């Protein structure tokens, strides 16, 4: 018997991706998958890609989850904290929601509202010192999807004093799965196909998380909904602190030992299809010849490195398993 794993909120897109990754993990045994409206349904009826996974959704109840060694919470923002508080301390938890990411209660109130539940260990292993912190934690707050793509592009540059943290501008496009599985009119195929549309302009909830993780003090984020199921492409620009800054060299050095972060060869630029189905992030950097601003482009699979893959990576560290266990560094094509 391996490590007993349960997933709460397993009927959503991130939950389904967690089930897929856990089912193929060499050390994890999936013992429970819970849902709300889909409780009582076979998993494969909701996630047809998981045909052959002989499991029925249970109701989301602490007693169902408490028998597991490890619980992944793939619930809507604001719903994880109450459930986590009812789980025994012996159960390790990775929360894919936002409930425990922010250290600043005022930022939580401003962007999410409701009671701030307090911060857990932040689940981005590639940040300095975070692998050790995650390995020693029993509760881990997984990154947001935009936060993962943008933080990986920006954090090493701020840490190296290569860019000015007060003037960071990001435009990032995301696939529709980032909005969740609930039926919404603006996410209908007829509305999305052939269209790009900005949303939450100037007020996206990942902004305080990105500032907390990167050390940026001024950040403008414009998210764009793209007509694709999954993927994020983020373009991050900042003012260099000095002429001659080589952002690509900074990133290459920062991620020399990071198995899932790839600084692409000179002249190659990230694109979302190359990261599809993987836990990898692809980065490229340059300096704008006109404005002199540093430009970093980052691509991830929002359900991989931006959600379920990242959560499994953190869980591997929590159990002293190989960081790449059950995860692929390679995308799926075409």
C-alpha atoms as a PDB file:
ATOM      1  CA  UNK A   1       0.000   0.000   0.000  1.00  0.00           C
ATOM      2  CA  UNK A   2       1.354   3.372  -1.028  1.00  0.00           C
ATOM      3  CA  UNK A   3       0.484   6.870   0.169  1.00  0.00           C
ATOM      4  CA  UNK A   4      -3.302   7.108   0.497  1.00  0.00           C
ATOM      5  CA  UNK A   5      -4.551  10.171  -1.401  1.00  0.00           C
ATOM      6  CA  UNK A   6      -7.929  11.914  -1.585  1.00  0.00           C
ATOM      7  CA  UNK A   7      -9.086  14.784  -3.787  1.00  0.00           C
ATOM      8  CA  UNK A   8     -11.828  17.192  -2.722  1.00  0.00           C
ATOM      9  CA  UNK A   9     -13.495  19.060  -5.568  1.00  0.00           C
ATOM     10  CA  UNK A  10     -12.489  16.341  -7.996  1.00  0.00           C
ATOM     11  CA  UNK A  11     -15.260  17.016 -10.518  1.00  0.00           C
ATOM     12  CA  UNK A  12     -13.689  20.274 -11.756  1.00  0.00           C
ATOM     13  CA  UNK A  13     -10.978  20.693 -14.361  1.00  0.00           C
ATOM     14  CA  UNK A  14      -8.101  20.920 -11.885  1.00  0.00           C
ATOM     15  CA  UNK A  15      -9.608  18.077  -9.871  1.00  0.00           C
ATOM     16  CA  UNK A  16      -9.833  15.887 -12.963  1.00  0.00           C
ATOM     17  CA  UNK A  17      -6.218  16.611 -13.836  1.00  0.00           C
ATOM     18  CA  UNK A  18      -5.230  15.683 -10.275  1.00  0.00           C
ATOM     19  CA  UNK A  19      -7.050  12.368 -10.619  1.00  0.00           C
ATOM     20  CA  UNK A  20      -5.212  11.654 -13.879  1.00  0.00           C
ATOM     21  CA  UNK A  21      -1.811  12.426 -12.382  1.00  0.00           C
ATOM     22  CA  UNK A  22      -2.455  10.506  -9.162  1.00  0.00           C
ATOM     23  CA  UNK A  23      -3.683   7.465 -11.090  1.00  0.00           C
ATOM     24  CA  UNK A  24      -0.315   7.324 -12.865  1.00  0.00           C
ATOM     25  CA  UNK A  25       1.823   8.137  -9.832  1.00  0.00           C
ATOM     26  CA  UNK A  26       4.188   5.366  -8.671  1.00  0.00           C
ATOM     27  CA  UNK A  27       3.667   6.046  -4.939  1.00  0.00           C
ATOM     28  CA  UNK A  28       0.140   7.463  -4.635  1.00  0.00           C
ATOM     29  CA  UNK A  29      -2.997   5.366  -4.157  1.00  0.00           C
ATOM     30  CA  UNK A  30      -6.226   7.209  -4.909  1.00  0.00           C
ATOM     31  CA  UNK A  31      -8.726   6.256  -2.196  1.00  0.00           C
ATOM     32  CA  UNK A  32     -11.381   8.976  -2.467  1.00  0.00           C
ATOM     33  CA  UNK A  33     -12.633  11.657  -4.838  1.00  0.00           C
ATOM     34  CA  UNK A  34     -15.317  14.016  -3.601  1.00  0.00           C
ATOM     35  CA  UNK A  35     -17.692  16.408  -5.306  1.00  0.00           C
ATOM     36  CA  UNK A  36     -20.814  18.421  -4.595  1.00  0.00           C
ATOM     37  CA  UNK A  37     -23.430  18.207  -7.355  1.00  0.00           C
ATOM     38  CA  UNK A  38     -21.768  15.165  -8.943  1.00  0.00           C
ATOM     39  CA  UNK A  39     -21.690  13.073  -5.747  1.00  0.00           C
ATOM     40  CA  UNK A  40     -22.852   9.531  -6.502  1.00  0.00           C
ATOM     41  CA  UNK A  41     -21.734   9.688 -10.136  1.00  0.00           C
ATOM     42  CA  UNK A  42     -18.933   7.496 -11.509  1.00  0.00           C
ATOM     43  CA  UNK A  43     -15.749   9.506 -12.042  1.00  0.00           C
ATOM     44  CA  UNK A  44     -15.617   8.442 -15.684  1.00  0.00           C
ATOM     45  CA  UNK A  45     -19.106   9.871 -16.302  1.00  0.00           C
ATOM     46  CA  UNK A  46     -17.786  13.342 -15.456  1.00  0.00           C
ATOM     47  CA  UNK A  47     -14.233  12.862 -16.729  1.00  0.00           C
ATOM     48  CA  UNK A  48     -14.514  10.544 -19.769  1.00  0.00           C
ATOM     49  CA  UNK A  49     -10.744  10.746 -20.243  1.00  0.00           C
ATOM     50  CA  UNK A  50     -10.497   8.662 -17.052  1.00  0.00           C
ATOM     51  CA  UNK A  51     -12.424   5.667 -18.391  1.00  0.00           C
ATOM     52  CA  UNK A  52     -11.285   2.628 -16.418  1.00  0.00           C
ATOM     53  CA  UNK A  53     -10.845   4.531 -13.160  1.00  0.00           C
ATOM     54  CA  UNK A  54     -13.296   2.555 -11.031  1.00  0.00           C
ATOM     55  CA  UNK A  55     -14.314   5.190  -8.504  1.00  0.00           C
ATOM     56  CA  UNK A  56     -17.529   7.000  -7.573  1.00  0.00           C
ATOM     57  CA  UNK A  57     -17.635  10.595  -6.356  1.00  0.00           C
ATOM     58  CA  UNK A  58     -18.399  10.823  -2.660  1.00  0.00           C
ATOM     59  CA  UNK A  59     -19.836  13.889  -0.978  1.00  0.00           C
ATOM     60  CA  UNK A  60     -17.302  16.437   0.238  1.00  0.00           C
ATOM     61  CA  UNK A  61     -17.202  15.577   3.929  1.00  0.00           C
ATOM     62  CA  UNK A  62     -14.270  15.725   6.371  1.00  0.00           C
ATOM     63  CA  UNK A  63     -14.861  12.138   7.501  1.00  0.00           C
ATOM     64  CA  UNK A  64     -14.425  10.896   3.929  1.00  0.00           C
ATOM     65  CA  UNK A  65     -11.100  12.719   3.615  1.00  0.00           C
ATOM     66  CA  UNK A  66      -9.717  12.078   7.098  1.00  0.00           C
ATOM     67  CA  UNK A  67      -8.719   8.483   6.326  1.00  0.00           C
ATOM     68  CA  UNK A  68      -6.234   9.639   3.687  1.00  0.00           C
ATOM     69  CA  UNK A  69      -2.572  10.391   4.304  1.00  0.00           C
ATOM     70  CA  UNK A  70      -2.663  13.292   1.835  1.00  0.00           C
ATOM     71  CA  UNK A  71      -5.565  15.465   0.699  1.00  0.00           C
ATOM     72  CA  UNK A  72      -5.638  17.780  -2.296  1.00  0.00           C
ATOM     73  CA  UNK A  73      -8.248  20.534  -2.037  1.00  0.00           C
ATOM     74  CA  UNK A  74      -9.424  21.632  -5.498  1.00  0.00           C
ATOM     75  CA  UNK A  75     -12.295  23.774  -4.266  1.00  0.00           C
ATOM     76  CA  UNK A  76     -13.497  27.276  -5.209  1.00  0.00           C
ATOM     77  CA  UNK A  77     -11.735  30.172  -3.490  1.00  0.00           C
ATOM     78  CA  UNK A  78     -13.052  30.675   0.020  1.00  0.00           C
ATOM     79  CA  UNK A  79     -14.179  27.071   0.548  1.00  0.00           C
ATOM     80  CA  UNK A  80     -10.935  25.326   1.485  1.00  0.00           C
ATOM     81  CA  UNK A  81     -10.205  26.857   4.879  1.00  0.00           C
ATOM     82  CA  UNK A  82     -13.269  25.549   6.708  1.00  0.00           C
ATOM     83  CA  UNK A  83     -12.794  22.034   5.370  1.00  0.00           C
ATOM     84  CA  UNK A  84      -9.051  21.993   6.082  1.00  0.00           C
ATOM     85  CA  UNK A  85      -9.687  23.086   9.672  1.00  0.00           C
ATOM     86  CA  UNK A  86     -11.730  19.906  10.225  1.00  0.00           C
ATOM     87  CA  UNK A  87      -9.004  17.546   9.007  1.00  0.00           C
ATOM     88  CA  UNK A  88      -6.651  15.931  11.538  1.00  0.00           C
ATOM     89  CA  UNK A  89      -3.157  17.392  11.855  1.00  0.00           C
ATOM     90  CA  UNK A  90      -1.829  13.996  10.786  1.00  0.00           C
ATOM     91  CA  UNK A  91      -3.282  14.520   7.302  1.00  0.00           C
ATOM     92  CA  UNK A  92      -1.052  16.482   4.940  1.00  0.00           C
ATOM     93  CA  UNK A  93      -2.903  18.970   2.744  1.00  0.00           C
ATOM     94  CA  UNK A  94      -2.143  20.785  -0.501  1.00  0.00           C
ATOM     95  CA  UNK A  95      -4.709  23.498  -1.211  1.00  0.00           C
ATOM     96  CA  UNK A  96      -5.141  24.500  -4.870  1.00  0.00           C
ATOM     97  CA  UNK A  97      -7.422  27.376  -3.859  1.00  0.00           C
ATOM     98  CA  UNK A  98      -6.407  30.851  -2.731  1.00  0.00           C
ATOM     99  CA  UNK A  99      -7.477  30.573   0.910  1.00  0.00           C
ATOM    100  CA  UNK A 100      -3.999  30.226   2.408  1.00  0.00           C
ATOM    101  CA  UNK A 101      -1.705  31.945  -0.123  1.00  0.00           C
ATOM    102  CA  UNK A 102      -1.636  35.513   1.162  1.00  0.00           C
ATOM    103  CA  UNK A 103       0.173  36.667   4.284  1.00  0.00           C
ATOM    104  CA  UNK A 104      -1.559  40.049   4.234  1.00  0.00           C
ATOM    105  CA  UNK A 105      -5.109  39.902   5.590  1.00  0.00           C
ATOM    106  CA  UNK A 106      -5.920  43.324   4.156  1.00  0.00           C
ATOM    107  CA  UNK A 107      -4.963  42.144   0.651  1.00  0.00           C
ATOM    108  CA  UNK A 108      -7.237  39.108   1.109  1.00  0.00           C
ATOM    109  CA  UNK A 109     -10.135  41.372   2.102  1.00  0.00           C
ATOM    110  CA  UNK A 110      -9.525  43.667  -0.844  1.00  0.00           C
ATOM    111  CA  UNK A 111      -9.317  41.003  -3.563  1.00  0.00           C
ATOM    112  CA  UNK A 112     -11.398  38.108  -2.181  1.00  0.00           C
ATOM    113  CA  UNK A 113     -13.475  39.324   0.759  1.00  0.00           C
ATOM    114  CA  UNK A 114     -14.517  37.306   3.782  1.00  0.00           C
ATOM    115  CA  UNK A 115     -12.383  36.092   6.647  1.00  0.00           C
ATOM    116  CA  UNK A 116      -8.655  35.699   6.076  1.00  0.00           C
ATOM    117  CA  UNK A 117      -7.694  32.130   7.044  1.00  0.00           C
ATOM    118  CA  UNK A 118      -3.965  32.776   7.460  1.00  0.00           C
ATOM    119  CA  UNK A 119      -1.008  31.768   5.307  1.00  0.00           C
ATOM    120  CA  UNK A 120       0.429  28.307   4.748  1.00  0.00           C
ATOM    121  CA  UNK A 121       3.798  27.412   3.213  1.00  0.00           C
ATOM    122  CA  UNK A 122       3.759  28.763  -0.340  1.00  0.00           C
ATOM    123  CA  UNK A 123       3.853  26.043  -2.973  1.00  0.00           C
ATOM    124  CA  UNK A 124       6.261  27.226  -5.641  1.00  0.00           C
ATOM    125  CA  UNK A 125       9.365  25.007  -5.258  1.00  0.00           C
ATOM    126  CA  UNK A 126      11.522  27.059  -7.624  1.00  0.00           C
ATOM    127  CA  UNK A 127      11.591  30.098  -5.326  1.00  0.00           C
ATOM    128  CA  UNK A 128      14.738  30.309  -3.173  1.00  0.00           C
ATOM    129  CA  UNK A 129      14.393  28.197  -0.043  1.00  0.00           C
ATOM    130  CA  UNK A 130      10.943  26.896  -0.906  1.00  0.00           C
ATOM    131  CA  UNK A 131      11.895  23.296  -1.642  1.00  0.00           C
ATOM    132  CA  UNK A 132      13.108  22.875   1.929  1.00  0.00           C
ATOM    133  CA  UNK A 133      10.115  24.762   3.315  1.00  0.00           C
ATOM    134  CA  UNK A 134       7.660  22.600   1.381  1.00  0.00           C
ATOM    135  CA  UNK A 135       9.483  19.411   2.357  1.00  0.00           C
ATOM    136  CA  UNK A 136       9.032  20.277   6.019  1.00  0.00           C
ATOM    137  CA  UNK A 137       5.415  21.410   5.771  1.00  0.00           C
ATOM    138  CA  UNK A 138       2.165  19.605   6.510  1.00  0.00           C
ATOM    139  CA  UNK A 139       0.017  22.307   4.899  1.00  0.00           C
ATOM    140  CA  UNK A 140       0.944  23.862   1.532  1.00  0.00           C
ATOM    141  CA  UNK A 141      -0.834  26.589  -0.439  1.00  0.00           C
ATOM    142  CA  UNK A 142      -0.476  25.905  -4.161  1.00  0.00           C
ATOM    143  CA  UNK A 143       0.176  28.883  -6.437  1.00  0.00           C
ATOM    144  CA  UNK A 144      -2.426  30.490  -8.635  1.00  0.00           C
ATOM    145  CA  UNK A 145      -2.087  29.788 -12.355  1.00  0.00           C
ATOM    146  CA  UNK A 146      -1.208  33.328 -13.460  1.00  0.00           C
ATOM    147  CA  UNK A 147       0.983  33.647 -10.381  1.00  0.00           C
ATOM    148  CA  UNK A 148       3.013  30.582 -11.371  1.00  0.00           C
ATOM    149  CA  UNK A 149       3.666  31.799 -14.923  1.00  0.00           C
ATOM    150  CA  UNK A 150       4.475  35.387 -13.912  1.00  0.00           C
ATOM    151  CA  UNK A 151       6.466  34.638 -10.758  1.00  0.00           C
ATOM    152  CA  UNK A 152       8.781  32.242 -12.576  1.00  0.00           C
ATOM    153  CA  UNK A 153       9.457  34.957 -15.163  1.00  0.00           C
ATOM    154  CA  UNK A 154       9.944  37.813 -12.719  1.00  0.00           C
ATOM    155  CA  UNK A 155      11.186  36.645  -9.305  1.00  0.00           C
ATOM    156  CA  UNK A 156      14.838  35.927 -10.252  1.00  0.00           C
ATOM    157  CA  UNK A 157      15.156  39.337 -11.922  1.00  0.00           C
ATOM    158  CA  UNK A 158      13.885  41.176  -8.839  1.00  0.00           C
ATOM    159  CA  UNK A 159      16.048  39.045  -6.532  1.00  0.00           C
ATOM    160  CA  UNK A 160      19.149  39.816  -8.622  1.00  0.00           C
ATOM    161  CA  UNK A 161      18.325  43.546  -8.651  1.00  0.00           C
ATOM    162  CA  UNK A 162      18.214  43.341 -12.435  1.00  0.00           C
ATOM    163  CA  UNK A 163      14.881  45.177 -12.776  1.00  0.00           C
ATOM    164  CA  UNK A 164      13.047  47.892 -10.883  1.00  0.00           C
ATOM    165  CA  UNK A 165      10.303  46.266  -8.762  1.00  0.00           C
ATOM    166  CA  UNK A 166       8.045  49.337  -8.819  1.00  0.00           C
ATOM    167  CA  UNK A 167       7.252  49.235 -12.553  1.00  0.00           C
ATOM    168  CA  UNK A 168       6.182  45.801 -13.797  1.00  0.00           C
ATOM    169  CA  UNK A 169       3.615  45.408 -16.572  1.00  0.00           C
ATOM    170  CA  UNK A 170       2.111  42.054 -17.530  1.00  0.00           C
ATOM    171  CA  UNK A 171      -0.271  41.003 -20.295  1.00  0.00           C
ATOM    172  CA  UNK A 172      -1.200  37.342 -20.007  1.00  0.00           C
ATOM    173  CA  UNK A 173      -3.572  35.159 -22.006  1.00  0.00           C
ATOM    174  CA  UNK A 174      -5.247  32.113 -20.467  1.00  0.00           C
ATOM    175  CA  UNK A 175      -7.349  29.255 -21.753  1.00  0.00           C
ATOM    176  CA  UNK A 176     -10.965  28.868 -20.685  1.00  0.00           C
ATOM    177  CA  UNK A 177     -10.345  26.040 -18.205  1.00  0.00           C
ATOM    178  CA  UNK A 178      -8.810  28.647 -15.897  1.00  0.00           C
ATOM    179  CA  UNK A 179     -12.334  29.972 -15.276  1.00  0.00           C
ATOM    180  CA  UNK A 180     -13.532  26.639 -13.905  1.00  0.00           C
ATOM    181  CA  UNK A 181     -16.173  24.196 -15.076  1.00  0.00           C
ATOM    182  CA  UNK A 182     -19.333  25.992 -13.951  1.00  0.00           C
ATOM    183  CA  UNK A 183     -21.609  26.970 -16.860  1.00  0.00           C
ATOM    184  CA  UNK A 184     -21.156  30.657 -17.717  1.00  0.00           C
ATOM    185  CA  UNK A 185     -22.580  32.429 -20.730  1.00  0.00           C
ATOM    186  CA  UNK A 186     -19.392  34.269 -21.669  1.00  0.00           C
ATOM    187  CA  UNK A 187     -17.500  30.954 -21.768  1.00  0.00           C
ATOM    188  CA  UNK A 188     -19.785  29.273 -24.293  1.00  0.00           C
ATOM    189  CA  UNK A 189     -17.959  28.072 -27.391  1.00  0.00           C
ATOM    190  CA  UNK A 190     -19.901  30.492 -29.595  1.00  0.00           C
ATOM    191  CA  UNK A 191     -18.751  33.388 -27.415  1.00  0.00           C
ATOM    192  CA  UNK A 192     -15.104  32.382 -27.025  1.00  0.00           C
ATOM    193  CA  UNK A 193     -14.142  31.032 -30.441  1.00  0.00           C
ATOM    194  CA  UNK A 194     -12.536  33.621 -32.702  1.00  0.00           C
ATOM    195  CA  UNK A 195     -12.277  36.149 -29.891  1.00  0.00           C
ATOM    196  CA  UNK A 196      -9.795  37.595 -27.395  1.00  0.00           C
ATOM    197  CA  UNK A 197     -11.229  39.517 -24.464  1.00  0.00           C
ATOM    198  CA  UNK A 198      -9.664  41.160 -21.402  1.00  0.00           C
ATOM    199  CA  UNK A 199     -11.210  40.649 -17.984  1.00  0.00           C
ATOM    200  CA  UNK A 200     -10.660  41.819 -14.400  1.00  0.00           C
ATOM    201  CA  UNK A 201      -8.482  44.554 -15.853  1.00  0.00           C
ATOM    202  CA  UNK A 202      -6.580  46.354 -13.114  1.00  0.00           C
ATOM    203  CA  UNK A 203      -8.091  44.213 -10.362  1.00  0.00           C
ATOM    204  CA  UNK A 204      -7.124  40.558 -10.810  1.00  0.00           C
ATOM    205  CA  UNK A 205      -6.965  38.568  -7.567  1.00  0.00           C
ATOM    206  CA  UNK A 206      -3.520  37.121  -8.309  1.00  0.00           C
ATOM    207  CA  UNK A 207      -1.829  40.544  -8.154  1.00  0.00           C
ATOM    208  CA  UNK A 208      -1.115  40.526  -4.374  1.00  0.00           C
ATOM    209  CA  UNK A 209       0.093  36.934  -4.583  1.00  0.00           C
ATOM    210  CA  UNK A 210       2.512  37.780  -7.395  1.00  0.00           C
ATOM    211  CA  UNK A 211       3.823  40.822  -5.516  1.00  0.00           C
ATOM    212  CA  UNK A 212       4.288  38.720  -2.377  1.00  0.00           C
ATOM    213  CA  UNK A 213       6.135  35.971  -4.269  1.00  0.00           C
ATOM    214  CA  UNK A 214       8.338  38.177  -6.465  1.00  0.00           C
ATOM    215  CA  UNK A 215       9.093  41.247  -4.392  1.00  0.00           C
ATOM    216  CA  UNK A 216       7.489  43.512  -6.990  1.00  0.00           C
ATOM    217  CA  UNK A 217       5.997  46.651  -5.465  1.00  0.00           C
ATOM    218  CA  UNK A 218       4.116  47.993  -8.501  1.00  0.00           C
ATOM    219  CA  UNK A 219       2.368  45.536 -10.834  1.00  0.00           C
ATOM    220  CA  UNK A 220      -0.150  46.102 -13.630  1.00  0.00           C
ATOM    221  CA  UNK A 221      -1.763  42.863 -14.875  1.00  0.00           C
ATOM    222  CA  UNK A 222      -4.099  42.615 -17.853  1.00  0.00           C
ATOM    223  CA  UNK A 223      -5.511  39.085 -18.197  1.00  0.00           C
ATOM    224  CA  UNK A 224      -6.904  38.009 -21.564  1.00  0.00           C
ATOM    225  CA  UNK A 225      -9.291  35.122 -22.224  1.00  0.00           C
ATOM    226  CA  UNK A 226      -8.027  33.120 -25.199  1.00  0.00           C
ATOM    227  CA  UNK A 227     -10.013  30.681 -27.378  1.00  0.00           C
ATOM    228  CA  UNK A 228      -8.226  27.529 -26.189  1.00  0.00           C
ATOM    229  CA  UNK A 229      -9.022  25.026 -23.430  1.00  0.00           C
ATOM    230  CA  UNK A 230      -5.771  25.278 -21.472  1.00  0.00           C
ATOM    231  CA  UNK A 231      -2.494  27.165 -21.320  1.00  0.00           C
ATOM    232  CA  UNK A 232      -1.116  30.541 -20.218  1.00  0.00           C
ATOM    233  CA  UNK A 233       1.209  32.841 -22.150  1.00  0.00           C
ATOM    234  CA  UNK A 234       2.465  35.753 -20.051  1.00  0.00           C
ATOM    235  CA  UNK A 235       4.511  38.683 -21.310  1.00  0.00           C
ATOM    236  CA  UNK A 236       6.260  40.395 -18.403  1.00  0.00           C
ATOM    237  CA  UNK A 237       8.087  43.715 -18.857  1.00  0.00           C
ATOM    238  CA  UNK A 238      10.091  45.797 -16.391  1.00  0.00           C
ATOM    239  CA  UNK A 239      12.645  48.608 -16.350  1.00  0.00           C
ATOM    240  CA  UNK A 240      16.249  47.377 -15.952  1.00  0.00           C
ATOM    241  CA  UNK A 241      18.243  48.760 -13.058  1.00  0.00           C
ATOM    242  CA  UNK A 242      21.282  49.304 -15.265  1.00  0.00           C
ATOM    243  CA  UNK A 243      22.246  49.316 -18.905  1.00  0.00           C
ATOM    244  CA  UNK A 244      23.586  46.048 -20.196  1.00  0.00           C
ATOM    245  CA  UNK A 245      21.275  43.856 -18.096  1.00  0.00           C
ATOM    246  CA  UNK A 246      21.143  40.310 -19.497  1.00  0.00           C
ATOM    247  CA  UNK A 247      17.815  38.922 -18.244  1.00  0.00           C
ATOM    248  CA  UNK A 248      18.276  35.603 -20.003  1.00  0.00           C
ATOM    249  CA  UNK A 249      21.535  34.965 -18.132  1.00  0.00           C
ATOM    250  CA  UNK A 250      19.832  35.737 -14.816  1.00  0.00           C
ATOM    251  CA  UNK A 251      17.042  33.264 -15.546  1.00  0.00           C
ATOM    252  CA  UNK A 252      19.423  30.594 -16.807  1.00  0.00           C
ATOM    253  CA  UNK A 253      21.453  30.759 -13.607  1.00  0.00           C
ATOM    254  CA  UNK A 254      18.367  30.806 -11.371  1.00  0.00           C
ATOM    255  CA  UNK A 255      16.868  27.685 -12.929  1.00  0.00           C
ATOM    256  CA  UNK A 256      20.009  25.661 -13.621  1.00  0.00           C
ATOM    257  CA  UNK A 257      18.814  22.932 -11.232  1.00  0.00           C
ATOM    258  CA  UNK A 258      15.061  23.261 -11.788  1.00  0.00           C
ATOM    259  CA  UNK A 259      13.807  20.215 -13.713  1.00  0.00           C
ATOM    260  CA  UNK A 260      10.527  21.818 -14.799  1.00  0.00           C
ATOM    261  CA  UNK A 261      11.693  25.302 -15.821  1.00  0.00           C
ATOM    262  CA  UNK A 262      13.318  25.600 -19.231  1.00  0.00           C
ATOM    263  CA  UNK A 263      14.995  28.776 -20.470  1.00  0.00           C
ATOM    264  CA  UNK A 264      14.760  28.224 -24.209  1.00  0.00           C
ATOM    265  CA  UNK A 265      17.683  28.555 -26.617  1.00  0.00           C
ATOM    266  CA  UNK A 266      18.378  31.982 -28.074  1.00  0.00           C
ATOM    267  CA  UNK A 267      15.793  32.835 -30.719  1.00  0.00           C
ATOM    268  CA  UNK A 268      13.193  30.305 -29.525  1.00  0.00           C
ATOM    269  CA  UNK A 269      10.059  31.725 -27.921  1.00  0.00           C
ATOM    270  CA  UNK A 270       7.562  29.992 -25.636  1.00  0.00           C
ATOM    271  CA  UNK A 271       4.160  28.938 -26.863  1.00  0.00           C
ATOM    272  CA  UNK A 272       1.390  27.237 -24.950  1.00  0.00           C
ATOM    273  CA  UNK A 273       1.065  24.126 -27.108  1.00  0.00           C
ATOM    274  CA  UNK A 274       4.613  23.101 -26.213  1.00  0.00           C
ATOM    275  CA  UNK A 275       3.731  22.872 -22.506  1.00  0.00           C
ATOM    276  CA  UNK A 276       0.362  21.133 -22.939  1.00  0.00           C
ATOM    277  CA  UNK A 277      -0.023  18.181 -20.571  1.00  0.00           C
ATOM    278  CA  UNK A 278       3.302  18.836 -18.840  1.00  0.00           C
ATOM    279  CA  UNK A 279       4.428  20.360 -15.556  1.00  0.00           C
ATOM    280  CA  UNK A 280       6.977  22.531 -17.336  1.00  0.00           C
ATOM    281  CA  UNK A 281       7.387  26.271 -17.744  1.00  0.00           C
ATOM    282  CA  UNK A 282       9.120  27.642 -20.845  1.00  0.00           C
ATOM    283  CA  UNK A 283      10.847  31.026 -20.591  1.00  0.00           C
ATOM    284  CA  UNK A 284      12.628  33.404 -22.934  1.00  0.00           C
ATOM    285  CA  UNK A 285      13.964  36.896 -22.276  1.00  0.00           C
ATOM    286  CA  UNK A 286      15.333  39.886 -24.141  1.00  0.00           C
ATOM    287  CA  UNK A 287      15.640  43.673 -23.900  1.00  0.00           C
ATOM    288  CA  UNK A 288      13.372  45.839 -26.049  1.00  0.00           C
ATOM    289  CA  UNK A 289      15.547  47.711 -28.565  1.00  0.00           C
ATOM    290  CA  UNK A 290      13.323  50.802 -28.444  1.00  0.00           C
ATOM    291  CA  UNK A 291      12.166  51.238 -24.827  1.00  0.00           C
ATOM    292  CA  UNK A 292      15.024  49.376 -23.162  1.00  0.00           C
ATOM    293  CA  UNK A 293      12.543  47.441 -21.010  1.00  0.00           C
ATOM    294  CA  UNK A 294      13.296  43.861 -20.068  1.00  0.00           C
ATOM    295  CA  UNK A 295      10.835  41.422 -21.642  1.00  0.00           C
ATOM    296  CA  UNK A 296      10.260  37.874 -20.391  1.00  0.00           C
ATOM    297  CA  UNK A 297       7.724  35.555 -22.015  1.00  0.00           C
ATOM    298  CA  UNK A 298       6.490  32.574 -20.017  1.00  0.00           C
ATOM    299  CA  UNK A 299       4.312  29.640 -21.091  1.00  0.00           C
ATOM    300  CA  UNK A 300       2.726  26.987 -18.878  1.00  0.00           C
ATOM    301  CA  UNK A 301      -0.204  24.604 -18.898  1.00  0.00           C
ATOM    302  CA  UNK A 302      -2.575  26.285 -16.434  1.00  0.00           C
ATOM    303  CA  UNK A 303      -3.822  22.871 -15.273  1.00  0.00           C
ATOM    304  CA  UNK A 304      -0.258  21.525 -15.051  1.00  0.00           C
ATOM    305  CA  UNK A 305       2.368  23.852 -13.587  1.00  0.00           C
ATOM    306  CA  UNK A 306      -0.468  26.266 -12.851  1.00  0.00           C
ATOM    307  CA  UNK A 307      -2.535  23.846 -10.750  1.00  0.00           C
ATOM    308  CA  UNK A 308      -2.536  20.038 -10.521  1.00  0.00           C
ATOM    309  CA  UNK A 309       1.021  19.356 -11.666  1.00  0.00           C
ATOM    310  CA  UNK A 310       2.400  21.945  -9.275  1.00  0.00           C
ATOM    311  CA  UNK A 311       0.363  20.409  -6.444  1.00  0.00           C
ATOM    312  CA  UNK A 312       1.774  16.950  -7.139  1.00  0.00           C
ATOM    313  CA  UNK A 313       5.294  18.408  -7.337  1.00  0.00           C
ATOM    314  CA  UNK A 314       4.782  19.917  -3.869  1.00  0.00           C
ATOM    315  CA  UNK A 315       3.379  16.653  -2.514  1.00  0.00           C
ATOM    316  CA  UNK A 316       6.421  14.786  -3.820  1.00  0.00           C
ATOM    317  CA  UNK A 317       8.630  17.122  -1.819  1.00  0.00           C
ATOM    318  CA  UNK A 318       6.456  16.722   1.277  1.00  0.00           C
ATOM    319  CA  UNK A 319       7.006  12.953   1.141  1.00  0.00           C
ATOM    320  CA  UNK A 320      10.689  13.081   0.188  1.00  0.00           C
ATOM    321  CA  UNK A 321       9.923  11.528  -3.201  1.00  0.00           C
ATOM    322  CA  UNK A 322      11.702  12.396  -6.445  1.00  0.00           C
ATOM    323  CA  UNK A 323      10.394  15.810  -7.483  1.00  0.00           C
ATOM    324  CA  UNK A 324       9.443  14.536 -10.937  1.00  0.00           C
ATOM    325  CA  UNK A 325       7.542  11.454  -9.750  1.00  0.00           C
ATOM    326  CA  UNK A 326       4.305  11.054 -11.682  1.00  0.00           C
ATOM    327  CA  UNK A 327       4.948  14.190 -13.731  1.00  0.00           C
ATOM    328  CA  UNK A 328       6.168  14.858 -17.261  1.00  0.00           C
ATOM    329  CA  UNK A 329       8.586  17.573 -18.297  1.00  0.00           C
ATOM    330  CA  UNK A 330       7.488  17.098 -21.909  1.00  0.00           C
ATOM    331  CA  UNK A 331       4.371  18.449 -23.561  1.00  0.00           C
ATOM    332  CA  UNK A 332       1.913  16.621 -25.804  1.00  0.00           C
ATOM    333  CA  UNK A 333       1.775  17.405 -29.530  1.00  0.00           C
ATOM    334  CA  UNK A 334       0.197  18.076 -31.923  1.00  0.00           C
END
